[in-house]
Amino acid sequence: MSGSTDWKLPLQGNNDLLVITEPQMIEDIHYQYFMAGADIAETNTFSATSVAQADYACESAVYDINYRGVLVARALRCGLRPKTESGGS
């Protein structure tokens, strides 16, 4: 998955990939929610299952999407609010 740009199918709508391709964007969204008073961060991995990713021929990316989703949410959580929970979406 890492760095590949040769996809079999269009990826439009596969927003879960943003934790890999645009992690700063996802981190910025988490930050804005925390600044607005949120107590938890979601991982942006709602469709990070082999069934959902099959629509994009990205089944092999499921582990990476979930892993990086947690890393992004946890990194910001640890930096901002030590008592805040990270939750799946």
C-alpha atoms as a PDB file:
ATOM      1  CA  MET A   1       0.000   0.000   0.000  1.00  0.00           C
ATOM      2  CA  SER A   2       2.646   2.503   0.970  1.00  0.00           C
ATOM      3  CA  GLY A   3       3.333   4.994  -1.767  1.00  0.00           C
ATOM      4  CA  SER A   4       1.638   3.156  -4.622  1.00  0.00           C
ATOM      5  CA  THR A   5      -0.239   5.270  -7.160  1.00  0.00           C
ATOM      6  CA  ASP A   6      -1.160   2.511  -9.612  1.00  0.00           C
ATOM      7  CA  TRP A   7      -4.672   1.532  -8.589  1.00  0.00           C
ATOM      8  CA  LYS A   8      -6.951  -0.917 -10.377  1.00  0.00           C
ATOM      9  CA  LEU A   9     -10.080   1.079  -9.515  1.00  0.00           C
ATOM     10  CA  PRO A  10     -10.839   4.752  -8.764  1.00  0.00           C
ATOM     11  CA  LEU A  11     -10.363   5.619  -5.089  1.00  0.00           C
ATOM     12  CA  GLN A  12     -12.847   8.500  -4.947  1.00  0.00           C
ATOM     13  CA  GLY A  13     -14.965   8.054  -1.836  1.00  0.00           C
ATOM     14  CA  ASN A  14     -12.434   5.861  -0.031  1.00  0.00           C
ATOM     15  CA  ASN A  15     -11.996   8.410   2.745  1.00  0.00           C
ATOM     16  CA  ASP A  16     -10.431   5.894   5.113  1.00  0.00           C
ATOM     17  CA  LEU A  17      -7.261   6.063   2.986  1.00  0.00           C
ATOM     18  CA  LEU A  18      -6.738   9.633   4.148  1.00  0.00           C
ATOM     19  CA  VAL A  19      -5.078   8.358   7.336  1.00  0.00           C
ATOM     20  CA  ILE A  20      -2.348   7.028   5.044  1.00  0.00           C
ATOM     21  CA  THR A  21      -2.270   9.590   2.245  1.00  0.00           C
ATOM     22  CA  GLU A  22      -3.140  12.763   4.208  1.00  0.00           C
ATOM     23  CA  PRO A  23      -2.545  12.077   7.916  1.00  0.00           C
ATOM     24  CA  GLN A  24      -2.001  15.763   8.676  1.00  0.00           C
ATOM     25  CA  MET A  25      -5.484  16.542   7.355  1.00  0.00           C
ATOM     26  CA  ILE A  26      -7.025  13.967   9.681  1.00  0.00           C
ATOM     27  CA  GLU A  27      -4.920  15.213  12.586  1.00  0.00           C
ATOM     28  CA  ASP A  28      -6.088  18.781  11.899  1.00  0.00           C
ATOM     29  CA  ILE A  29      -9.716  17.632  11.998  1.00  0.00           C
ATOM     30  CA  HIS A  30      -9.107  15.867  15.331  1.00  0.00           C
ATOM     31  CA  TYR A  31      -7.433  18.998  16.665  1.00  0.00           C
ATOM     32  CA  GLN A  32     -10.383  21.175  15.685  1.00  0.00           C
ATOM     33  CA  TYR A  33     -12.797  18.831  17.454  1.00  0.00           C
ATOM     34  CA  PHE A  34     -10.656  18.809  20.609  1.00  0.00           C
ATOM     35  CA  MET A  35     -10.436  22.591  20.569  1.00  0.00           C
ATOM     36  CA  ALA A  36     -14.234  22.707  20.294  1.00  0.00           C
ATOM     37  CA  GLY A  37     -14.522  20.570  23.439  1.00  0.00           C
ATOM     38  CA  ALA A  38     -14.627  16.973  22.179  1.00  0.00           C
ATOM     39  CA  ASP A  39     -13.636  14.314  24.693  1.00  0.00           C
ATOM     40  CA  ILE A  40     -12.860  11.490  22.252  1.00  0.00           C
ATOM     41  CA  ALA A  41     -11.233  11.086  18.847  1.00  0.00           C
ATOM     42  CA  GLU A  42     -12.451   8.628  16.251  1.00  0.00           C
ATOM     43  CA  THR A  43     -10.008   6.784  14.046  1.00  0.00           C
ATOM     44  CA  ASN A  44     -11.532   7.478  10.603  1.00  0.00           C
ATOM     45  CA  THR A  45     -11.605   3.743   9.921  1.00  0.00           C
ATOM     46  CA  PHE A  46     -15.323   3.024   9.548  1.00  0.00           C
ATOM     47  CA  SER A  47     -14.817   1.356   6.159  1.00  0.00           C
ATOM     48  CA  ALA A  48     -11.442  -0.199   6.927  1.00  0.00           C
ATOM     49  CA  THR A  49     -12.686  -3.762   6.485  1.00  0.00           C
ATOM     50  CA  SER A  50     -11.794  -6.205   3.750  1.00  0.00           C
ATOM     51  CA  VAL A  51     -15.429  -6.200   2.572  1.00  0.00           C
ATOM     52  CA  ALA A  52     -15.642  -2.402   2.257  1.00  0.00           C
ATOM     53  CA  GLN A  53     -12.151  -2.022   0.789  1.00  0.00           C
ATOM     54  CA  ALA A  54     -12.945  -4.645  -1.855  1.00  0.00           C
ATOM     55  CA  ASP A  55     -15.006  -1.932  -3.583  1.00  0.00           C
ATOM     56  CA  TYR A  56     -11.678  -0.227  -4.336  1.00  0.00           C
ATOM     57  CA  ALA A  57      -9.488  -3.358  -4.667  1.00  0.00           C
ATOM     58  CA  CYS A  58      -7.685  -2.190  -1.503  1.00  0.00           C
ATOM     59  CA  GLU A  59      -8.242  -5.212   0.725  1.00  0.00           C
ATOM     60  CA  SER A  60      -4.516  -5.473   1.380  1.00  0.00           C
ATOM     61  CA  ALA A  61      -4.540  -1.972   2.930  1.00  0.00           C
ATOM     62  CA  VAL A  62      -7.003  -2.812   5.732  1.00  0.00           C
ATOM     63  CA  TYR A  63      -4.359  -3.400   8.408  1.00  0.00           C
ATOM     64  CA  ASP A  64      -2.406  -0.254   7.461  1.00  0.00           C
ATOM     65  CA  ILE A  65      -5.553   1.909   7.445  1.00  0.00           C
ATOM     66  CA  ASN A  66      -6.607   0.705  10.900  1.00  0.00           C
ATOM     67  CA  TYR A  67      -3.107   0.906  12.352  1.00  0.00           C
ATOM     68  CA  ARG A  68      -2.404   4.390  11.048  1.00  0.00           C
ATOM     69  CA  GLY A  69      -5.871   5.585  12.027  1.00  0.00           C
ATOM     70  CA  VAL A  70      -5.096   4.689  15.624  1.00  0.00           C
ATOM     71  CA  LEU A  71      -1.626   6.255  15.438  1.00  0.00           C
ATOM     72  CA  VAL A  72      -2.996   9.574  14.179  1.00  0.00           C
ATOM     73  CA  ALA A  73      -5.803   9.723  16.766  1.00  0.00           C
ATOM     74  CA  ARG A  74      -3.566   8.598  19.631  1.00  0.00           C
ATOM     75  CA  ALA A  75      -0.683  10.944  18.779  1.00  0.00           C
ATOM     76  CA  LEU A  76      -2.915  13.981  18.887  1.00  0.00           C
ATOM     77  CA  ARG A  77      -4.751  12.746  21.972  1.00  0.00           C
ATOM     78  CA  CYS A  78      -1.511  12.244  23.849  1.00  0.00           C
ATOM     79  CA  GLY A  79      -0.281  15.669  22.858  1.00  0.00           C
ATOM     80  CA  LEU A  80      -3.437  17.543  23.813  1.00  0.00           C
ATOM     81  CA  ARG A  81      -5.446  15.763  26.452  1.00  0.00           C
ATOM     82  CA  PRO A  82      -3.861  12.921  28.377  1.00  0.00           C
ATOM     83  CA  LYS A  83      -7.225  11.726  29.783  1.00  0.00           C
ATOM     84  CA  THR A  84      -9.094  11.709  26.452  1.00  0.00           C
ATOM     85  CA  GLU A  85     -10.086   8.397  24.898  1.00  0.00           C
ATOM     86  CA  SER A  86      -9.495   7.310  21.292  1.00  0.00           C
ATOM     87  CA  GLY A  87     -12.413   5.426  19.780  1.00  0.00           C
ATOM     88  CA  GLY A  88     -13.118   3.649  16.515  1.00  0.00           C
ATOM     89  CA  SER A  89     -15.562   5.144  14.107  1.00  0.00           C
END
